[in-house]
Amino acid sequence: MRRGIGRICRAAAIMGIGSILLMGLVIAAPWGAHASDVAMVPQSFSGLAEKVGAGVVNIRTEKVVSGGGHGRMMRQFGQNPFGNDDRFNDFFEKFFGDQMPREHKEQSLGSGFIIDKQGYIVTNNHVIENATKIKVKLKSGKQFEAELVGRDPSTDIALIKIKSTEPLTELPLGDSDSLQVGQWVVAIGSPFGLEQTVTAGIISAKGRVIGSGPYDNFLQTDASINPGNSGGPLIDMNGQVIGINTAIIASGQGIGFAIPINLAKGVIEQLKTKGSVTRGWLGVVIQDLTDDMAEYAGSPDKKGAMVMEVMPGQPADAAGMQPKDIIVEVNGKPVANSHDLTTLVAGLSVGEKAKITVLRNGKKQNLTIEVAKRPDDTKQLASGEGGSAPSAADELGIRVTNLTPELAKRLKVNQNDGVVVEDVDPEGKAAAAGLSSGDVIKEINHIAIKSTKDYASALSKAKGGKVQMFIWRPNAGFLVITIPK
Protein backbone atom coordinates (compact mmCIF):
# COMPACT_ATOMS: atom_id res chain seq x y z
CA MET A 1 0.00 0.00 0.00
CA ARG A 2 1.39 3.43 -0.79
CA ARG A 3 2.57 5.93 1.78
CA GLY A 4 -0.13 8.27 3.06
CA ILE A 5 -2.71 5.56 3.57
CA GLY A 6 -2.32 6.05 7.32
CA ARG A 7 -3.21 3.00 9.34
CA ILE A 8 -4.33 1.00 6.32
CA CYS A 9 -1.83 -1.77 5.56
CA ARG A 10 -1.40 -4.49 2.99
CA ALA A 11 -2.61 -8.04 3.51
CA ALA A 12 -6.38 -8.44 3.34
CA ALA A 13 -9.22 -8.64 5.83
CA ILE A 14 -10.02 -9.66 9.39
CA MET A 15 -13.07 -11.43 10.65
CA GLY A 16 -14.63 -11.96 14.04
CA ILE A 17 -14.91 -15.61 15.00
CA GLY A 18 -18.48 -15.11 16.12
CA SER A 19 -19.91 -15.67 12.66
CA ILE A 20 -18.35 -19.15 12.57
CA LEU A 21 -20.10 -20.02 15.83
CA LEU A 22 -23.42 -19.37 14.10
CA MET A 23 -22.96 -22.27 11.68
CA GLY A 24 -25.98 -24.51 11.53
CA LEU A 25 -28.32 -21.98 13.18
CA VAL A 26 -31.25 -20.22 11.54
CA ILE A 27 -31.09 -16.43 11.69
CA ALA A 28 -34.05 -15.09 13.64
CA ALA A 29 -36.74 -13.73 11.36
CA PRO A 30 -37.73 -10.07 11.63
CA TRP A 31 -41.18 -9.44 13.11
CA GLY A 32 -43.79 -10.35 10.56
CA ALA A 33 -41.34 -11.97 8.09
CA HIS A 34 -41.96 -15.43 6.68
CA ALA A 35 -39.39 -18.13 7.36
CA SER A 36 -38.99 -18.74 3.63
CA ASP A 37 -37.93 -15.11 3.12
CA VAL A 38 -35.03 -15.32 5.58
CA ALA A 39 -31.65 -16.74 4.48
CA MET A 40 -30.07 -19.44 6.63
CA VAL A 41 -26.48 -19.57 7.82
CA PRO A 42 -24.78 -22.31 5.77
CA GLN A 43 -24.52 -25.52 7.77
CA SER A 44 -21.06 -26.21 6.35
CA PHE A 45 -18.47 -24.66 4.05
CA SER A 46 -16.67 -27.98 3.57
CA GLY A 47 -18.00 -28.71 0.09
CA LEU A 48 -17.16 -25.22 -1.14
CA ALA A 49 -13.65 -25.36 0.32
CA GLU A 50 -13.04 -28.73 -1.33
CA LYS A 51 -14.41 -27.50 -4.65
CA VAL A 52 -12.18 -24.43 -4.99
CA GLY A 53 -9.15 -25.29 -2.80
CA ALA A 54 -7.08 -26.78 -5.61
CA GLY A 55 -7.30 -23.49 -7.52
CA VAL A 56 -5.73 -21.46 -4.68
CA VAL A 57 -1.93 -21.22 -4.45
CA ASN A 58 0.69 -20.15 -1.97
CA ILE A 59 3.21 -17.61 -3.29
CA ARG A 60 6.67 -17.04 -1.85
CA THR A 61 8.98 -14.40 -3.26
CA GLU A 62 12.59 -13.49 -2.88
CA LYS A 63 14.11 -10.09 -3.53
CA VAL A 64 17.55 -8.56 -3.09
CA VAL A 65 17.46 -5.48 -0.87
CA SER A 66 20.31 -2.96 -0.93
CA GLY A 67 21.36 -0.83 1.99
CA GLY A 68 23.50 -2.96 4.27
CA GLY A 69 22.80 -5.19 7.23
CA HIS A 70 20.94 -2.50 9.16
CA GLY A 71 18.07 -3.25 6.78
CA ARG A 72 17.26 -6.22 9.00
CA MET A 73 16.99 -3.92 11.97
CA MET A 74 14.76 -1.51 10.06
CA ARG A 75 12.35 -4.32 9.24
CA GLN A 76 11.81 -4.62 12.98
CA PHE A 77 10.97 -0.93 13.20
CA GLY A 78 8.77 -1.14 10.11
CA GLN A 79 10.37 2.05 8.82
CA ASN A 80 13.40 4.24 9.39
CA PRO A 81 12.66 6.18 12.62
CA PHE A 82 14.72 9.05 11.24
CA GLY A 83 12.74 9.26 7.97
CA ASN A 84 14.79 9.33 4.79
CA ASP A 85 17.69 11.20 6.37
CA ASP A 86 20.97 10.00 4.87
CA ARG A 87 22.69 10.83 8.16
CA PHE A 88 21.07 7.70 9.58
CA ASN A 89 22.86 5.55 7.00
CA ASP A 90 26.09 7.43 7.68
CA PHE A 91 25.72 6.59 11.38
CA PHE A 92 25.63 2.86 10.70
CA GLU A 93 28.49 3.05 8.19
CA LYS A 94 30.65 4.94 10.69
CA PHE A 95 30.20 2.44 13.51
CA PHE A 96 29.82 -0.84 11.60
CA GLY A 97 31.73 -0.15 8.40
CA ASP A 98 31.76 -3.16 6.08
CA GLN A 99 31.13 -5.71 8.82
CA MET A 100 27.56 -6.14 7.54
CA PRO A 101 26.65 -7.15 3.99
CA ARG A 102 25.68 -4.35 1.64
CA GLU A 103 22.87 -6.46 0.18
CA HIS A 104 20.63 -9.12 1.66
CA LYS A 105 17.83 -11.35 0.49
CA GLU A 106 14.33 -10.62 1.73
CA GLN A 107 11.50 -13.13 1.57
CA SER A 108 7.76 -12.50 1.63
CA LEU A 109 4.64 -14.55 1.18
CA GLY A 110 1.17 -14.20 -0.23
CA SER A 111 -1.59 -16.03 -2.04
CA GLY A 112 -3.06 -16.25 -5.53
CA PHE A 113 -5.53 -18.19 -7.63
CA ILE A 114 -5.44 -19.95 -10.99
CA ILE A 115 -7.67 -18.41 -13.68
CA ASP A 116 -7.07 -20.85 -16.53
CA LYS A 117 -5.46 -24.18 -17.33
CA GLN A 118 -2.59 -22.51 -19.18
CA GLY A 119 -1.14 -21.63 -15.77
CA TYR A 120 -2.08 -17.95 -15.37
CA ILE A 121 -2.35 -16.91 -11.71
CA VAL A 122 -3.75 -13.68 -10.29
CA THR A 123 -2.27 -12.09 -7.15
CA ASN A 124 -1.55 -8.64 -5.70
CA ASN A 125 1.14 -6.44 -7.15
CA HIS A 126 2.57 -5.81 -3.68
CA VAL A 127 3.08 -9.56 -3.24
CA ILE A 128 5.49 -9.88 -6.18
CA GLU A 129 6.79 -6.32 -6.64
CA ASN A 130 10.58 -6.21 -7.20
CA ALA A 131 10.83 -9.97 -6.69
CA THR A 132 13.83 -11.74 -8.20
CA LYS A 133 12.22 -15.15 -7.66
CA ILE A 134 8.56 -16.12 -7.48
CA LYS A 135 7.70 -19.60 -6.22
CA VAL A 136 4.21 -21.07 -6.42
CA LYS A 137 3.00 -24.01 -4.35
CA LEU A 138 -0.21 -25.86 -5.20
CA LYS A 139 -2.52 -27.54 -2.71
CA SER A 140 -1.05 -30.87 -3.81
CA GLY A 141 2.35 -29.69 -2.55
CA LYS A 142 3.91 -29.44 -6.00
CA GLN A 143 6.06 -26.33 -6.47
CA PHE A 144 6.90 -24.21 -9.53
CA GLU A 145 8.97 -21.17 -10.38
CA ALA A 146 6.66 -18.56 -11.86
CA GLU A 147 7.34 -15.85 -14.41
CA LEU A 148 5.88 -12.36 -14.17
CA VAL A 149 3.46 -11.66 -17.03
CA GLY A 150 2.51 -8.11 -16.01
CA ARG A 151 1.45 -5.94 -13.12
CA ASP A 152 -0.65 -2.85 -12.47
CA PRO A 153 0.38 -0.88 -9.36
CA SER A 154 -2.62 1.46 -9.69
CA THR A 155 -5.05 -1.35 -8.86
CA ASP A 156 -2.52 -3.57 -7.03
CA ILE A 157 -3.10 -6.47 -9.42
CA ALA A 158 -0.43 -8.74 -10.91
CA LEU A 159 -0.49 -11.72 -13.26
CA ILE A 160 2.08 -14.52 -13.10
CA LYS A 161 2.35 -17.84 -14.93
CA ILE A 162 3.58 -21.36 -14.23
CA LYS A 163 4.21 -24.25 -16.62
CA SER A 164 2.67 -27.52 -15.50
CA THR A 165 2.37 -30.82 -17.38
CA GLU A 166 -0.45 -31.82 -15.04
CA PRO A 167 -3.99 -30.43 -15.27
CA LEU A 168 -4.62 -27.31 -13.19
CA THR A 169 -7.84 -26.33 -11.41
CA GLU A 170 -9.07 -22.95 -12.63
CA LEU A 171 -11.46 -20.83 -10.59
CA PRO A 172 -14.40 -19.20 -12.42
CA LEU A 173 -14.78 -15.43 -12.12
CA GLY A 174 -18.14 -14.22 -10.82
CA ASP A 175 -20.05 -10.93 -10.93
CA SER A 176 -19.12 -8.61 -8.08
CA ASP A 177 -21.67 -6.01 -9.18
CA SER A 178 -24.49 -8.38 -8.26
CA LEU A 179 -23.22 -8.85 -4.69
CA GLN A 180 -25.41 -7.69 -1.85
CA VAL A 181 -24.35 -6.49 1.57
CA GLY A 182 -24.86 -9.32 4.03
CA GLN A 183 -24.12 -12.05 1.47
CA TRP A 184 -21.94 -14.96 2.65
CA VAL A 185 -18.39 -15.22 1.30
CA VAL A 186 -15.34 -17.40 1.91
CA ALA A 187 -11.67 -16.36 1.86
CA ILE A 188 -8.93 -18.89 1.11
CA GLY A 189 -5.23 -18.20 1.37
CA SER A 190 -2.06 -18.45 3.43
CA PRO A 191 -2.39 -16.12 6.46
CA PHE A 192 0.94 -15.99 8.30
CA GLY A 193 2.14 -18.74 5.92
CA LEU A 194 -0.55 -21.20 7.01
CA GLU A 195 -1.48 -22.60 3.61
CA GLN A 196 -5.04 -23.38 2.48
CA THR A 197 -6.71 -21.61 5.41
CA VAL A 198 -10.46 -21.18 4.91
CA THR A 199 -12.44 -18.45 6.69
CA ALA A 200 -16.03 -17.33 6.24
CA GLY A 201 -18.00 -14.14 6.75
CA ILE A 202 -20.21 -11.68 4.93
CA ILE A 203 -19.91 -8.71 2.61
CA SER A 204 -19.99 -5.81 5.08
CA ALA A 205 -20.06 -2.98 2.54
CA LYS A 206 -19.36 -2.15 -1.12
CA GLY A 207 -17.64 0.73 -2.87
CA ARG A 208 -15.20 1.53 -0.07
CA VAL A 209 -12.56 4.20 -0.80
CA ILE A 210 -9.60 3.69 1.53
CA GLY A 211 -7.05 6.05 -0.02
CA SER A 212 -4.88 3.47 -1.78
CA GLY A 213 -5.18 5.02 -5.24
CA PRO A 214 -7.42 6.61 -7.85
CA TYR A 215 -9.35 3.39 -8.55
CA ASP A 216 -10.40 2.50 -5.00
CA ASN A 217 -13.70 0.62 -5.03
CA PHE A 218 -13.20 -2.09 -2.44
CA LEU A 219 -15.51 -4.75 -1.09
CA GLN A 220 -15.45 -4.75 2.71
CA THR A 221 -15.72 -8.13 4.40
CA ASP A 222 -15.45 -9.64 7.86
CA ALA A 223 -14.14 -12.98 6.55
CA SER A 224 -10.88 -13.35 8.46
CA ILE A 225 -7.94 -12.23 6.33
CA ASN A 226 -4.42 -11.53 7.60
CA PRO A 227 -0.86 -11.00 6.30
CA GLY A 228 -0.23 -13.73 3.76
CA ASN A 229 -3.81 -13.71 2.47
CA SER A 230 -2.93 -10.94 0.01
CA GLY A 231 -3.81 -11.94 -3.54
CA GLY A 232 -6.03 -14.84 -2.53
CA PRO A 233 -9.64 -15.16 -3.71
CA LEU A 234 -12.84 -14.08 -2.03
CA ILE A 235 -15.40 -16.70 -3.06
CA ASP A 236 -19.21 -16.55 -3.18
CA MET A 237 -21.39 -19.51 -2.26
CA ASN A 238 -21.47 -20.64 -5.91
CA GLY A 239 -17.70 -21.18 -5.88
CA GLN A 240 -16.95 -18.13 -8.03
CA VAL A 241 -14.27 -15.53 -7.37
CA ILE A 242 -15.90 -12.19 -6.59
CA GLY A 243 -12.88 -10.40 -5.11
CA ILE A 244 -9.10 -10.35 -4.60
CA ASN A 245 -8.17 -10.05 -0.92
CA THR A 246 -5.89 -7.04 -0.62
CA ALA A 247 -5.89 -4.85 2.49
CA ILE A 248 -6.62 -4.61 6.19
CA ILE A 249 -6.87 -1.80 8.70
CA ALA A 250 -4.11 -2.57 11.18
CA SER A 251 -6.09 -1.50 14.26
CA GLY A 252 -9.43 -2.77 12.95
CA GLN A 253 -11.15 -5.92 14.07
CA GLY A 254 -13.33 -7.61 11.47
CA ILE A 255 -12.53 -5.07 8.76
CA GLY A 256 -10.80 -6.07 5.54
CA PHE A 257 -10.95 -5.20 1.85
CA ALA A 258 -10.98 -7.01 -1.50
CA ILE A 259 -10.71 -5.72 -5.06
CA PRO A 260 -14.04 -6.41 -6.85
CA ILE A 261 -13.47 -8.98 -9.57
CA ASN A 262 -15.41 -6.91 -12.12
CA LEU A 263 -12.84 -4.12 -11.70
CA ALA A 264 -10.04 -6.68 -12.05
CA LYS A 265 -11.33 -8.46 -15.18
CA GLY A 266 -10.31 -5.75 -17.64
CA VAL A 267 -6.94 -5.31 -15.94
CA ILE A 268 -6.27 -9.05 -16.01
CA GLU A 269 -7.15 -9.29 -19.70
CA GLN A 270 -4.81 -6.43 -20.61
CA LEU A 271 -1.98 -7.90 -18.55
CA LYS A 272 -2.53 -11.24 -20.23
CA THR A 273 -2.50 -9.87 -23.78
CA LYS A 274 -0.14 -6.89 -23.47
CA GLY A 275 1.71 -7.22 -20.18
CA SER A 276 0.63 -3.74 -19.09
CA VAL A 277 -2.52 -1.64 -18.66
CA THR A 278 -3.61 1.28 -20.82
CA ARG A 279 -6.34 3.56 -19.47
CA GLY A 280 -8.64 6.12 -21.03
CA TRP A 281 -8.05 9.86 -20.73
CA LEU A 282 -10.22 12.92 -21.37
CA GLY A 283 -7.78 15.67 -20.40
CA VAL A 284 -9.70 17.42 -17.62
CA VAL A 285 -9.08 18.33 -14.00
CA ILE A 286 -12.13 17.51 -11.88
CA GLN A 287 -13.48 17.78 -8.36
CA ASP A 288 -16.52 16.81 -6.32
CA LEU A 289 -19.49 19.13 -5.94
CA THR A 290 -20.05 20.93 -2.67
CA ASP A 291 -23.59 21.93 -1.69
CA ASP A 292 -22.93 25.60 -2.51
CA MET A 293 -21.31 24.71 -5.81
CA ALA A 294 -24.20 22.44 -6.81
CA GLU A 295 -26.69 25.23 -6.07
CA TYR A 296 -24.63 27.77 -7.98
CA ALA A 297 -24.23 25.52 -11.00
CA GLY A 298 -27.89 24.47 -11.08
CA SER A 299 -27.38 20.79 -10.19
CA PRO A 300 -30.61 19.67 -8.47
CA ASP A 301 -29.42 16.28 -7.17
CA LYS A 302 -25.87 17.45 -6.32
CA LYS A 303 -24.40 14.56 -8.32
CA GLY A 304 -21.62 14.63 -10.87
CA ALA A 305 -18.00 15.78 -11.18
CA MET A 306 -17.21 19.40 -11.89
CA VAL A 307 -14.63 20.23 -14.54
CA MET A 308 -12.10 22.59 -12.97
CA GLU A 309 -9.86 22.83 -16.02
CA VAL A 310 -9.85 21.61 -19.61
CA MET A 311 -6.31 20.93 -20.81
CA PRO A 312 -5.55 22.59 -24.16
CA GLY A 313 -5.25 20.20 -27.08
CA GLN A 314 -6.61 17.23 -25.14
CA PRO A 315 -9.73 15.18 -26.13
CA ALA A 316 -12.18 17.12 -23.92
CA ASP A 317 -10.93 20.41 -25.33
CA ALA A 318 -11.40 19.18 -28.90
CA ALA A 319 -14.96 18.11 -28.08
CA GLY A 320 -15.91 21.51 -26.64
CA MET A 321 -15.96 20.73 -22.92
CA GLN A 322 -15.67 23.80 -20.71
CA PRO A 323 -14.61 24.60 -17.16
CA LYS A 324 -17.61 24.54 -14.81
CA ASP A 325 -19.30 21.77 -16.84
CA ILE A 326 -20.63 19.07 -14.53
CA ILE A 327 -20.10 15.57 -15.96
CA VAL A 328 -23.15 13.50 -15.01
CA GLU A 329 -22.98 10.49 -17.37
CA VAL A 330 -20.42 8.46 -19.32
CA ASN A 331 -21.96 6.27 -22.04
CA GLY A 332 -25.25 6.36 -20.19
CA LYS A 333 -23.75 5.34 -16.84
CA PRO A 334 -24.41 7.84 -14.03
CA VAL A 335 -21.55 9.75 -12.42
CA ALA A 336 -22.13 10.46 -8.72
CA ASN A 337 -18.74 12.01 -7.97
CA SER A 338 -15.18 12.43 -9.24
CA HIS A 339 -14.21 8.91 -8.13
CA ASP A 340 -16.98 7.45 -10.30
CA LEU A 341 -15.78 9.47 -13.28
CA THR A 342 -12.14 8.43 -12.84
CA THR A 343 -13.14 4.76 -12.73
CA LEU A 344 -15.49 4.94 -15.71
CA VAL A 345 -13.04 6.83 -17.92
CA ALA A 346 -10.18 4.49 -16.98
CA GLY A 347 -12.28 1.63 -18.33
CA LEU A 348 -12.77 3.23 -21.74
CA SER A 349 -10.72 2.00 -24.69
CA VAL A 350 -8.20 4.28 -26.34
CA GLY A 351 -9.74 5.57 -29.58
CA GLU A 352 -13.28 4.87 -28.38
CA LYS A 353 -15.82 7.65 -29.03
CA ALA A 354 -17.49 8.10 -25.68
CA LYS A 355 -20.76 9.90 -25.10
CA ILE A 356 -20.28 12.31 -22.19
CA THR A 357 -23.32 14.09 -20.75
CA VAL A 358 -22.62 17.38 -18.98
CA LEU A 359 -24.72 19.88 -17.10
CA ARG A 360 -23.93 23.38 -18.40
CA ASN A 361 -25.77 26.36 -16.95
CA GLY A 362 -28.39 24.01 -15.56
CA LYS A 363 -29.08 22.27 -18.90
CA LYS A 364 -27.86 18.87 -20.13
CA GLN A 365 -25.65 18.64 -23.20
CA ASN A 366 -24.15 15.61 -24.91
CA LEU A 367 -20.53 15.63 -26.07
CA THR A 368 -18.73 12.97 -28.08
CA ILE A 369 -15.12 12.63 -27.03
CA GLU A 370 -12.50 10.41 -28.64
CA VAL A 371 -10.68 8.82 -25.73
CA ALA A 372 -6.89 9.14 -25.60
CA LYS A 373 -4.28 7.17 -23.66
CA ARG A 374 -3.84 8.31 -20.09
CA PRO A 375 -0.34 9.78 -19.67
CA ASP A 376 1.80 8.77 -16.72
CA ASP A 377 2.35 12.37 -15.71
CA THR A 378 0.36 15.35 -16.90
CA LYS A 379 1.86 18.78 -16.45
CA GLN A 380 -0.31 21.85 -16.65
CA LEU A 381 1.17 25.08 -18.00
CA ALA A 382 -0.24 28.58 -17.77
CA SER A 383 0.93 31.59 -19.71
CA GLY A 384 -0.21 35.07 -20.68
CA GLU A 385 0.55 38.75 -20.69
CA GLY A 386 -0.83 41.92 -19.12
CA GLY A 387 -1.81 43.04 -15.64
CA SER A 388 -2.69 46.28 -13.96
CA ALA A 389 -2.63 48.03 -10.64
CA PRO A 390 -4.54 46.52 -7.74
CA SER A 391 -7.91 47.89 -6.78
CA ALA A 392 -8.64 49.59 -3.48
CA ALA A 393 -10.31 47.60 -0.72
CA ASP A 394 -14.08 47.53 -1.38
CA GLU A 395 -17.20 47.34 0.75
CA LEU A 396 -16.73 43.59 1.25
CA GLY A 397 -13.26 44.07 2.67
CA ILE A 398 -11.38 42.73 -0.38
CA ARG A 399 -8.51 44.10 -2.44
CA VAL A 400 -8.05 42.38 -5.82
CA THR A 401 -5.51 42.66 -8.60
CA ASN A 402 -5.27 41.47 -12.20
CA LEU A 403 -3.30 38.34 -12.87
CA THR A 404 0.25 38.91 -14.10
CA PRO A 405 2.05 36.22 -16.11
CA GLU A 406 4.07 35.32 -13.00
CA LEU A 407 0.97 35.05 -10.78
CA ALA A 408 -0.92 33.02 -13.36
CA LYS A 409 1.95 30.55 -13.69
CA ARG A 410 2.34 30.21 -9.92
CA LEU A 411 -1.39 29.70 -9.39
CA LYS A 412 -1.68 27.41 -12.46
CA VAL A 413 -4.48 29.38 -14.09
CA ASN A 414 -4.96 31.23 -17.34
CA GLN A 415 -4.01 34.88 -17.07
CA ASN A 416 -7.34 36.04 -18.51
CA ASP A 417 -9.35 33.89 -16.13
CA GLY A 418 -10.23 36.10 -13.20
CA VAL A 419 -8.68 38.43 -10.66
CA VAL A 420 -6.64 37.38 -7.67
CA VAL A 421 -7.50 38.36 -4.10
CA GLU A 422 -4.48 40.29 -2.86
CA ASP A 423 -5.73 41.07 0.64
CA VAL A 424 -8.77 40.38 2.83
CA ASP A 425 -9.78 42.57 5.78
CA PRO A 426 -9.98 40.12 8.71
CA GLU A 427 -12.92 42.10 10.11
CA GLY A 428 -14.76 42.34 6.77
CA LYS A 429 -17.70 40.42 5.30
CA ALA A 430 -15.55 38.49 2.82
CA ALA A 431 -13.27 37.10 5.54
CA ALA A 432 -16.30 35.99 7.56
CA ALA A 433 -17.61 34.15 4.47
CA GLY A 434 -14.31 32.30 3.99
CA LEU A 435 -12.54 34.22 1.20
CA SER A 436 -8.75 34.11 1.43
CA SER A 437 -5.77 35.87 -0.06
CA GLY A 438 -4.62 34.03 -3.19
CA ASP A 439 -8.14 33.03 -4.24
CA VAL A 440 -8.85 33.68 -7.92
CA ILE A 441 -12.32 35.16 -8.49
CA LYS A 442 -13.59 33.84 -11.82
CA GLU A 443 -17.27 34.85 -11.63
CA ILE A 444 -19.59 37.01 -9.55
CA ASN A 445 -23.25 36.04 -9.70
CA HIS A 446 -22.57 34.15 -12.97
CA ILE A 447 -20.83 37.16 -14.59
CA ALA A 448 -17.37 36.28 -15.93
CA ILE A 449 -14.53 38.27 -14.36
CA LYS A 450 -11.40 38.89 -16.42
CA SER A 451 -10.12 42.13 -14.90
CA THR A 452 -10.48 44.43 -11.91
CA LYS A 453 -12.81 46.56 -14.05
CA ASP A 454 -15.09 43.53 -14.57
CA TYR A 455 -14.93 42.86 -10.84
CA ALA A 456 -16.03 46.40 -9.89
CA SER A 457 -18.81 46.36 -12.48
CA ALA A 458 -20.18 42.99 -11.36
CA LEU A 459 -20.07 44.04 -7.72
CA SER A 460 -22.05 47.19 -8.45
CA LYS A 461 -24.73 45.11 -10.23
CA ALA A 462 -25.05 42.56 -7.46
CA LYS A 463 -28.62 42.43 -6.19
CA GLY A 464 -30.66 40.28 -3.86
CA GLY A 465 -28.68 40.94 -0.70
CA LYS A 466 -25.81 38.55 -1.44
CA VAL A 467 -22.77 38.16 -3.67
CA GLN A 468 -21.90 34.68 -4.92
CA MET A 469 -18.30 34.33 -6.00
CA PHE A 470 -17.13 31.40 -8.07
CA ILE A 471 -13.46 31.08 -7.19
CA TRP A 472 -10.39 28.94 -7.79
CA ARG A 473 -8.34 28.16 -4.68
CA PRO A 474 -4.87 26.65 -5.16
CA ASN A 475 -4.69 23.03 -3.89
CA ALA A 476 -8.45 23.02 -3.27
CA GLY A 477 -10.08 23.60 -6.66
CA PHE A 478 -13.33 25.43 -7.37
CA LEU A 479 -15.42 26.85 -4.54
CA VAL A 480 -18.47 29.06 -4.24
CA ILE A 481 -18.27 31.77 -1.57
CA THR A 482 -21.52 33.50 -0.62
CA ILE A 483 -21.07 36.95 0.95
CA PRO A 484 -24.00 38.98 2.34
CA LYS A 485 -23.99 42.49 0.89
Foldseek 3Di string as FASTA:
>chain_A
DDPPLPLKDKWWEAADCVLVVQAPPAPDDDVPDDSVVGDGHHNDCVVLLVQFQQFKKKKKFKAKDFQWPCVVVCVVVVHDPVHPDCVVSVVCCVVCNPVTPRIDMDMFIAMWGAADFQFKIKFFCVNCPRTPWMKIAGPVGDIFTKAWLAHDQQLRMTIIGGHDPDTGDHAAADALVPDDFPAKKKAFWQAVHNHGDIWIWTFHDWQDDSPSHLQDTWTKILTGIHHRHGHTFIAGPVRHGQFGGIIYRNPDHSTTITHGVVLCPVVVVCSNVPRGAWFWDQQFDWFAFDPVLCVLQQPPVSFFIFTQDHAPPGQNVVQPDDGRWGWQDKQRHGGGTPSSVVSVRRPDDQQDFIWTWTQGSNDIDITTTHIHTDDPDDDAAEADADWDDWDDQDQQQWIWTQAHRVLCRVLRHYRQQAIFTQDGDCPGQQVVQPDDGGKGFQDKSNHGHRGVVSVVVSVVPDDDQWIWTFIQHRPPTTDITITGD
